């Protein structure tokens, strides 16, 4: 079952999650290094604290959440949080307290159906900082349909970056970053969050003039294009 509306009511999310037919299996949760993030206290919050902090903190949360999600959640919820239909598409959780509350409850306690663990309880294992970092990543995912529509521009940038990985001489880093961020600015989120953080933005942050960075940025765009299709 795939969620197709731009808003995901709490009751609908609970029904969908309760009906999952895709068990998480025996994969052990992987630790998430959240040392770079501010502490948020011991008591679990019901709203993403990093969303209202300085942009640098929120960006750090997104990047840490990227790693945390892809290590612990992508197996069921999809690469880049694009669900294949067997698990809820978390990108539709509203980027406000209503969606945060559902996310925090499920992250802490997991979900079991008929004695089968569909999702493990991550709360005590990964902690609250990791939870809100992953939430920050999820809520800033771009609409994959818009990414697909931007495929020609993204492909051109991917090819340019791949070429610069072979020969970076004369690369205009500022111009490349601007071009990538302009592409990112055309994407909307499905959560209602005001700014999307796509692979184009991640590639812009990566490039520093070195061949390795150009190569990694090109690979990011390749993965993004594959996921969007």
C-alpha atoms as a PDB file:
ATOM      1  CA  UNK A   1       0.000   0.000   0.000  1.00  0.00           C
ATOM      2  CA  UNK A   2       1.464   3.359  -0.981  1.00  0.00           C
ATOM      3  CA  UNK A   3       0.572   6.703   0.546  1.00  0.00           C
ATOM      4  CA  UNK A   4      -0.257   9.151  -2.200  1.00  0.00           C
ATOM      5  CA  UNK A   5      -1.648  12.219  -0.454  1.00  0.00           C
ATOM      6  CA  UNK A   6       0.509  15.180   0.475  1.00  0.00           C
ATOM      7  CA  UNK A   7      -0.562  14.897   4.132  1.00  0.00           C
ATOM      8  CA  UNK A   8      -0.559  11.822   6.341  1.00  0.00           C
ATOM      9  CA  UNK A   9      -3.085  11.990   9.239  1.00  0.00           C
ATOM     10  CA  UNK A  10      -1.895  10.305  12.422  1.00  0.00           C
ATOM     11  CA  UNK A  11      -4.705   7.739  12.433  1.00  0.00           C
ATOM     12  CA  UNK A  12      -4.028   6.768   8.826  1.00  0.00           C
ATOM     13  CA  UNK A  13      -0.328   6.372   9.564  1.00  0.00           C
ATOM     14  CA  UNK A  14      -1.044   4.074  12.484  1.00  0.00           C
ATOM     15  CA  UNK A  15      -3.383   1.919  10.396  1.00  0.00           C
ATOM     16  CA  UNK A  16      -0.834   1.650   7.607  1.00  0.00           C
ATOM     17  CA  UNK A  17       1.996   0.801   9.957  1.00  0.00           C
ATOM     18  CA  UNK A  18      -0.133  -1.802  11.713  1.00  0.00           C
ATOM     19  CA  UNK A  19      -0.748  -3.495   8.381  1.00  0.00           C
ATOM     20  CA  UNK A  20       2.833  -3.837   7.266  1.00  0.00           C
ATOM     21  CA  UNK A  21       3.755  -7.153   5.708  1.00  0.00           C
ATOM     22  CA  UNK A  22       7.467  -6.513   5.661  1.00  0.00           C
ATOM     23  CA  UNK A  23       9.409  -7.542   8.751  1.00  0.00           C
ATOM     24  CA  UNK A  24      12.583  -5.757   9.715  1.00  0.00           C
ATOM     25  CA  UNK A  25      14.282  -9.094  10.246  1.00  0.00           C
ATOM     26  CA  UNK A  26      17.328  -9.777  12.362  1.00  0.00           C
ATOM     27  CA  UNK A  27      19.385  -6.798  11.220  1.00  0.00           C
ATOM     28  CA  UNK A  28      20.942  -5.228  14.329  1.00  0.00           C
ATOM     29  CA  UNK A  29      20.472  -1.449  14.704  1.00  0.00           C
ATOM     30  CA  UNK A  30      23.645   0.411  13.778  1.00  0.00           C
ATOM     31  CA  UNK A  31      24.937   3.153  16.112  1.00  0.00           C
ATOM     32  CA  UNK A  32      24.652   6.764  14.995  1.00  0.00           C
ATOM     33  CA  UNK A  33      27.360   9.240  16.016  1.00  0.00           C
ATOM     34  CA  UNK A  34      25.503  12.325  17.249  1.00  0.00           C
ATOM     35  CA  UNK A  35      28.402  13.995  19.065  1.00  0.00           C
ATOM     36  CA  UNK A  36      28.171  17.048  16.789  1.00  0.00           C
ATOM     37  CA  UNK A  37      24.574  17.759  17.840  1.00  0.00           C
ATOM     38  CA  UNK A  38      23.398  19.673  20.926  1.00  0.00           C
ATOM     39  CA  UNK A  39      21.907  17.664  23.754  1.00  0.00           C
ATOM     40  CA  UNK A  40      18.119  17.729  23.953  1.00  0.00           C
ATOM     41  CA  UNK A  41      17.575  16.267  27.416  1.00  0.00           C
ATOM     42  CA  UNK A  42      16.555  12.867  28.695  1.00  0.00           C
ATOM     43  CA  UNK A  43      12.776  13.177  28.442  1.00  0.00           C
ATOM     44  CA  UNK A  44      11.501  12.388  24.958  1.00  0.00           C
ATOM     45  CA  UNK A  45      10.179  15.398  23.088  1.00  0.00           C
ATOM     46  CA  UNK A  46       7.160  15.481  20.790  1.00  0.00           C
ATOM     47  CA  UNK A  47       8.603  17.972  18.305  1.00  0.00           C
ATOM     48  CA  UNK A  48      11.874  18.005  16.358  1.00  0.00           C
ATOM     49  CA  UNK A  49      14.150  20.321  18.387  1.00  0.00           C
ATOM     50  CA  UNK A  50      16.723  20.742  15.626  1.00  0.00           C
ATOM     51  CA  UNK A  51      14.211  22.239  13.204  1.00  0.00           C
ATOM     52  CA  UNK A  52      14.105  25.525  15.118  1.00  0.00           C
ATOM     53  CA  UNK A  53      17.823  25.745  15.898  1.00  0.00           C
ATOM     54  CA  UNK A  54      20.485  27.577  13.914  1.00  0.00           C
ATOM     55  CA  UNK A  55      20.710  26.548  10.239  1.00  0.00           C
ATOM     56  CA  UNK A  56      24.148  25.036  10.847  1.00  0.00           C
ATOM     57  CA  UNK A  57      22.764  22.761  13.569  1.00  0.00           C
ATOM     58  CA  UNK A  58      19.790  21.678  11.464  1.00  0.00           C
ATOM     59  CA  UNK A  59      22.093  20.965   8.529  1.00  0.00           C
ATOM     60  CA  UNK A  60      24.341  18.856  10.747  1.00  0.00           C
ATOM     61  CA  UNK A  61      21.256  16.968  11.939  1.00  0.00           C
ATOM     62  CA  UNK A  62      20.206  16.290   8.348  1.00  0.00           C
ATOM     63  CA  UNK A  63      23.627  14.935   7.414  1.00  0.00           C
ATOM     64  CA  UNK A  64      23.872  12.755  10.537  1.00  0.00           C
ATOM     65  CA  UNK A  65      20.309  11.613   9.943  1.00  0.00           C
ATOM     66  CA  UNK A  66      21.190  10.693   6.365  1.00  0.00           C
ATOM     67  CA  UNK A  67      23.756   8.192   7.619  1.00  0.00           C
ATOM     68  CA  UNK A  68      21.491   6.976  10.421  1.00  0.00           C
ATOM     69  CA  UNK A  69      18.514   6.449   8.128  1.00  0.00           C
ATOM     70  CA  UNK A  70      20.421   4.614   5.440  1.00  0.00           C
ATOM     71  CA  UNK A  71      22.052   2.303   7.998  1.00  0.00           C
ATOM     72  CA  UNK A  72      18.914   1.527   9.970  1.00  0.00           C
ATOM     73  CA  UNK A  73      15.768   2.414   8.036  1.00  0.00           C
ATOM     74  CA  UNK A  74      16.346   2.254   4.278  1.00  0.00           C
ATOM     75  CA  UNK A  75      15.999  -1.538   4.144  1.00  0.00           C
ATOM     76  CA  UNK A  76      12.276  -1.195   4.828  1.00  0.00           C
ATOM     77  CA  UNK A  77      11.481   2.457   4.103  1.00  0.00           C
ATOM     78  CA  UNK A  78      13.517   2.783   0.923  1.00  0.00           C
ATOM     79  CA  UNK A  79      16.680   4.446  -0.320  1.00  0.00           C
ATOM     80  CA  UNK A  80      16.333   8.175   0.176  1.00  0.00           C
ATOM     81  CA  UNK A  81      13.134   7.411   2.160  1.00  0.00           C
ATOM     82  CA  UNK A  82      11.300   6.604  -1.099  1.00  0.00           C
ATOM     83  CA  UNK A  83       9.115   3.692  -0.039  1.00  0.00           C
ATOM     84  CA  UNK A  84       8.478   0.871  -2.451  1.00  0.00           C
ATOM     85  CA  UNK A  85       4.999   0.460  -1.006  1.00  0.00           C
ATOM     86  CA  UNK A  86       5.543  -2.240   1.635  1.00  0.00           C
ATOM     87  CA  UNK A  87       6.353   0.226   4.418  1.00  0.00           C
ATOM     88  CA  UNK A  88       4.911   3.687   5.075  1.00  0.00           C
ATOM     89  CA  UNK A  89       6.424   6.488   3.017  1.00  0.00           C
ATOM     90  CA  UNK A  90       7.793   8.611   5.845  1.00  0.00           C
ATOM     91  CA  UNK A  91       8.327  11.608   3.579  1.00  0.00           C
ATOM     92  CA  UNK A  92       4.609  12.402   3.938  1.00  0.00           C
ATOM     93  CA  UNK A  93       4.791  12.853   7.714  1.00  0.00           C
ATOM     94  CA  UNK A  94       4.054  16.539   8.313  1.00  0.00           C
ATOM     95  CA  UNK A  95       7.097  18.584   9.341  1.00  0.00           C
ATOM     96  CA  UNK A  96       5.415  19.808  12.497  1.00  0.00           C
ATOM     97  CA  UNK A  97       4.473  18.445  15.912  1.00  0.00           C
ATOM     98  CA  UNK A  98       1.653  16.242  14.596  1.00  0.00           C
ATOM     99  CA  UNK A  99       4.017  14.224  12.408  1.00  0.00           C
ATOM    100  CA  UNK A 100       6.853  14.426  14.929  1.00  0.00           C
ATOM    101  CA  UNK A 101       4.742  12.870  17.679  1.00  0.00           C
ATOM    102  CA  UNK A 102       3.906   9.832  15.563  1.00  0.00           C
ATOM    103  CA  UNK A 103       7.531   9.452  14.497  1.00  0.00           C
ATOM    104  CA  UNK A 104       8.885   9.693  18.061  1.00  0.00           C
ATOM    105  CA  UNK A 105       6.406   7.117  19.371  1.00  0.00           C
ATOM    106  CA  UNK A 106       7.182   4.603  16.643  1.00  0.00           C
ATOM    107  CA  UNK A 107      10.960   5.194  16.838  1.00  0.00           C
ATOM    108  CA  UNK A 108      10.955   4.616  20.587  1.00  0.00           C
ATOM    109  CA  UNK A 109       8.714   1.583  20.782  1.00  0.00           C
ATOM    110  CA  UNK A 110       8.801  -0.027  17.343  1.00  0.00           C
ATOM    111  CA  UNK A 111       5.919  -2.186  16.151  1.00  0.00           C
ATOM    112  CA  UNK A 112       5.026  -5.839  16.625  1.00  0.00           C
ATOM    113  CA  UNK A 113       2.189  -7.645  14.877  1.00  0.00           C
ATOM    114  CA  UNK A 114       1.029 -11.166  15.706  1.00  0.00           C
ATOM    115  CA  UNK A 115       4.220 -11.750  17.645  1.00  0.00           C
ATOM    116  CA  UNK A 116       6.403 -10.691  14.706  1.00  0.00           C
ATOM    117  CA  UNK A 117       8.640  -7.632  14.978  1.00  0.00           C
ATOM    118  CA  UNK A 118       7.893  -5.438  12.002  1.00  0.00           C
ATOM    119  CA  UNK A 119      10.072  -2.637  13.340  1.00  0.00           C
ATOM    120  CA  UNK A 120      12.442  -2.842  16.323  1.00  0.00           C
ATOM    121  CA  UNK A 121      12.337  -0.320  19.139  1.00  0.00           C
ATOM    122  CA  UNK A 122      15.207   2.035  18.385  1.00  0.00           C
ATOM    123  CA  UNK A 123      14.681   4.447  21.291  1.00  0.00           C
ATOM    124  CA  UNK A 124      16.920   2.972  23.966  1.00  0.00           C
ATOM    125  CA  UNK A 125      19.471   1.716  21.452  1.00  0.00           C
ATOM    126  CA  UNK A 126      20.045   4.819  19.308  1.00  0.00           C
ATOM    127  CA  UNK A 127      18.700   7.556  21.582  1.00  0.00           C
ATOM    128  CA  UNK A 128      16.727  10.732  21.110  1.00  0.00           C
ATOM    129  CA  UNK A 129      19.400  12.744  19.310  1.00  0.00           C
ATOM    130  CA  UNK A 130      19.662  10.085  16.609  1.00  0.00           C
ATOM    131  CA  UNK A 131      15.879   9.967  16.341  1.00  0.00           C
ATOM    132  CA  UNK A 132      15.546  13.677  15.625  1.00  0.00           C
ATOM    133  CA  UNK A 133      18.525  13.635  13.276  1.00  0.00           C
ATOM    134  CA  UNK A 134      16.843  10.906  11.238  1.00  0.00           C
ATOM    135  CA  UNK A 135      13.586  12.855  11.404  1.00  0.00           C
ATOM    136  CA  UNK A 136      15.387  15.954  10.081  1.00  0.00           C
ATOM    137  CA  UNK A 137      16.706  13.960   7.151  1.00  0.00           C
ATOM    138  CA  UNK A 138      13.310  12.447   6.334  1.00  0.00           C
ATOM    139  CA  UNK A 139      11.358  15.699   6.426  1.00  0.00           C
ATOM    140  CA  UNK A 140      13.734  17.444   4.022  1.00  0.00           C
ATOM    141  CA  UNK A 141      13.591  14.769   1.320  1.00  0.00           C
ATOM    142  CA  UNK A 142      12.671  16.238  -2.063  1.00  0.00           C
ATOM    143  CA  UNK A 143       9.675  15.184  -4.117  1.00  0.00           C
ATOM    144  CA  UNK A 144      11.143  12.379  -6.243  1.00  0.00           C
ATOM    145  CA  UNK A 145       8.807  13.285  -9.119  1.00  0.00           C
ATOM    146  CA  UNK A 146      10.427  16.710  -9.305  1.00  0.00           C
ATOM    147  CA  UNK A 147      13.869  15.118  -9.122  1.00  0.00           C
ATOM    148  CA  UNK A 148      12.902  12.893 -12.052  1.00  0.00           C
ATOM    149  CA  UNK A 149      11.718  15.945 -14.003  1.00  0.00           C
ATOM    150  CA  UNK A 150      15.082  17.598 -13.343  1.00  0.00           C
ATOM    151  CA  UNK A 151      16.935  14.527 -14.628  1.00  0.00           C
ATOM    152  CA  UNK A 152      18.425  16.300 -17.684  1.00  0.00           C
ATOM    153  CA  UNK A 153      19.948  19.064 -15.534  1.00  0.00           C
ATOM    154  CA  UNK A 154      21.129  16.609 -12.884  1.00  0.00           C
ATOM    155  CA  UNK A 155      22.612  14.280 -15.491  1.00  0.00           C
ATOM    156  CA  UNK A 156      24.485  17.161 -17.100  1.00  0.00           C
ATOM    157  CA  UNK A 157      25.883  18.164 -13.708  1.00  0.00           C
ATOM    158  CA  UNK A 158      26.772  14.551 -12.904  1.00  0.00           C
ATOM    159  CA  UNK A 159      28.695  14.239 -16.167  1.00  0.00           C
ATOM    160  CA  UNK A 160      30.447  17.554 -15.577  1.00  0.00           C
ATOM    161  CA  UNK A 161      31.508  16.531 -12.080  1.00  0.00           C
ATOM    162  CA  UNK A 162      32.661  13.109 -13.306  1.00  0.00           C
ATOM    163  CA  UNK A 163      34.774  14.823 -15.948  1.00  0.00           C
ATOM    164  CA  UNK A 164      36.288  17.152 -13.343  1.00  0.00           C
ATOM    165  CA  UNK A 165      37.137  14.128 -11.205  1.00  0.00           C
ATOM    166  CA  UNK A 166      39.471  13.117 -14.037  1.00  0.00           C
ATOM    167  CA  UNK A 167      40.839  16.607 -14.667  1.00  0.00           C
ATOM    168  CA  UNK A 168      39.887  19.326 -12.126  1.00  0.00           C
ATOM    169  CA  UNK A 169      42.054  22.010 -13.708  1.00  0.00           C
ATOM    170  CA  UNK A 170      40.196  25.272 -14.218  1.00  0.00           C
ATOM    171  CA  UNK A 171      37.104  24.230 -12.273  1.00  0.00           C
ATOM    172  CA  UNK A 172      34.993  27.159 -11.074  1.00  0.00           C
ATOM    173  CA  UNK A 173      33.898  25.850  -7.687  1.00  0.00           C
ATOM    174  CA  UNK A 174      31.621  28.776  -6.843  1.00  0.00           C
ATOM    175  CA  UNK A 175      29.803  28.547 -10.165  1.00  0.00           C
ATOM    176  CA  UNK A 176      29.327  24.793  -9.775  1.00  0.00           C
ATOM    177  CA  UNK A 177      27.962  25.196  -6.250  1.00  0.00           C
ATOM    178  CA  UNK A 178      25.566  27.905  -7.423  1.00  0.00           C
ATOM    179  CA  UNK A 179      24.308  25.758 -10.289  1.00  0.00           C
ATOM    180  CA  UNK A 180      23.702  22.810  -7.984  1.00  0.00           C
ATOM    181  CA  UNK A 181      21.917  24.929  -5.375  1.00  0.00           C
ATOM    182  CA  UNK A 182      19.746  26.491  -8.075  1.00  0.00           C
ATOM    183  CA  UNK A 183      18.623  22.981  -9.054  1.00  0.00           C
ATOM    184  CA  UNK A 184      17.939  22.161  -5.401  1.00  0.00           C
ATOM    185  CA  UNK A 185      15.873  25.326  -4.994  1.00  0.00           C
ATOM    186  CA  UNK A 186      13.397  23.984  -7.540  1.00  0.00           C
ATOM    187  CA  UNK A 187      12.484  20.994  -5.366  1.00  0.00           C
ATOM    188  CA  UNK A 188       9.679  20.880  -2.817  1.00  0.00           C
ATOM    189  CA  UNK A 189       9.342  18.495   0.115  1.00  0.00           C
ATOM    190  CA  UNK A 190       6.433  16.119   0.646  1.00  0.00           C
ATOM    191  CA  UNK A 191       6.360  16.886   4.380  1.00  0.00           C
ATOM    192  CA  UNK A 192       5.610  20.567   3.957  1.00  0.00           C
ATOM    193  CA  UNK A 193       9.078  21.535   5.203  1.00  0.00           C
ATOM    194  CA  UNK A 194      10.042  24.834   3.552  1.00  0.00           C
ATOM    195  CA  UNK A 195      13.376  23.713   2.108  1.00  0.00           C
ATOM    196  CA  UNK A 196      14.365  20.461   0.456  1.00  0.00           C
ATOM    197  CA  UNK A 197      17.830  18.999   0.939  1.00  0.00           C
ATOM    198  CA  UNK A 198      18.475  16.977  -2.198  1.00  0.00           C
ATOM    199  CA  UNK A 199      21.528  15.241  -3.617  1.00  0.00           C
ATOM    200  CA  UNK A 200      22.183  18.432  -5.582  1.00  0.00           C
ATOM    201  CA  UNK A 201      22.614  20.359  -2.324  1.00  0.00           C
ATOM    202  CA  UNK A 202      24.726  17.565  -0.840  1.00  0.00           C
ATOM    203  CA  UNK A 203      26.937  17.570  -3.942  1.00  0.00           C
ATOM    204  CA  UNK A 204      27.354  21.338  -3.659  1.00  0.00           C
ATOM    205  CA  UNK A 205      28.544  20.954  -0.073  1.00  0.00           C
ATOM    206  CA  UNK A 206      31.000  18.245  -1.074  1.00  0.00           C
ATOM    207  CA  UNK A 207      32.932  19.784  -3.921  1.00  0.00           C
ATOM    208  CA  UNK A 208      36.164  21.469  -2.892  1.00  0.00           C
ATOM    209  CA  UNK A 209      38.240  21.257  -6.056  1.00  0.00           C
ATOM    210  CA  UNK A 210      39.742  17.844  -5.366  1.00  0.00           C
ATOM    211  CA  UNK A 211      39.220  14.890  -7.730  1.00  0.00           C
ATOM    212  CA  UNK A 212      37.914  12.726  -4.867  1.00  0.00           C
ATOM    213  CA  UNK A 213      35.222  15.261  -3.974  1.00  0.00           C
ATOM    214  CA  UNK A 214      34.137  15.638  -7.606  1.00  0.00           C
ATOM    215  CA  UNK A 215      33.897  11.859  -7.893  1.00  0.00           C
ATOM    216  CA  UNK A 216      31.851  11.521  -4.712  1.00  0.00           C
ATOM    217  CA  UNK A 217      29.523  14.340  -5.774  1.00  0.00           C
ATOM    218  CA  UNK A 218      28.976  12.690  -9.152  1.00  0.00           C
ATOM    219  CA  UNK A 219      28.171   9.394  -7.425  1.00  0.00           C
ATOM    220  CA  UNK A 220      25.615  11.139  -5.201  1.00  0.00           C
ATOM    221  CA  UNK A 221      23.804  12.487  -8.232  1.00  0.00           C
ATOM    222  CA  UNK A 222      23.892   9.061  -9.903  1.00  0.00           C
ATOM    223  CA  UNK A 223      22.243   7.437  -6.856  1.00  0.00           C
ATOM    224  CA  UNK A 224      19.651  10.213  -6.672  1.00  0.00           C
ATOM    225  CA  UNK A 225      18.730   9.797 -10.322  1.00  0.00           C
ATOM    226  CA  UNK A 226      18.401   6.035  -9.882  1.00  0.00           C
ATOM    227  CA  UNK A 227      16.168   6.387  -6.806  1.00  0.00           C
ATOM    228  CA  UNK A 228      13.915   8.960  -8.490  1.00  0.00           C
ATOM    229  CA  UNK A 229      13.265   6.558 -11.360  1.00  0.00           C
END
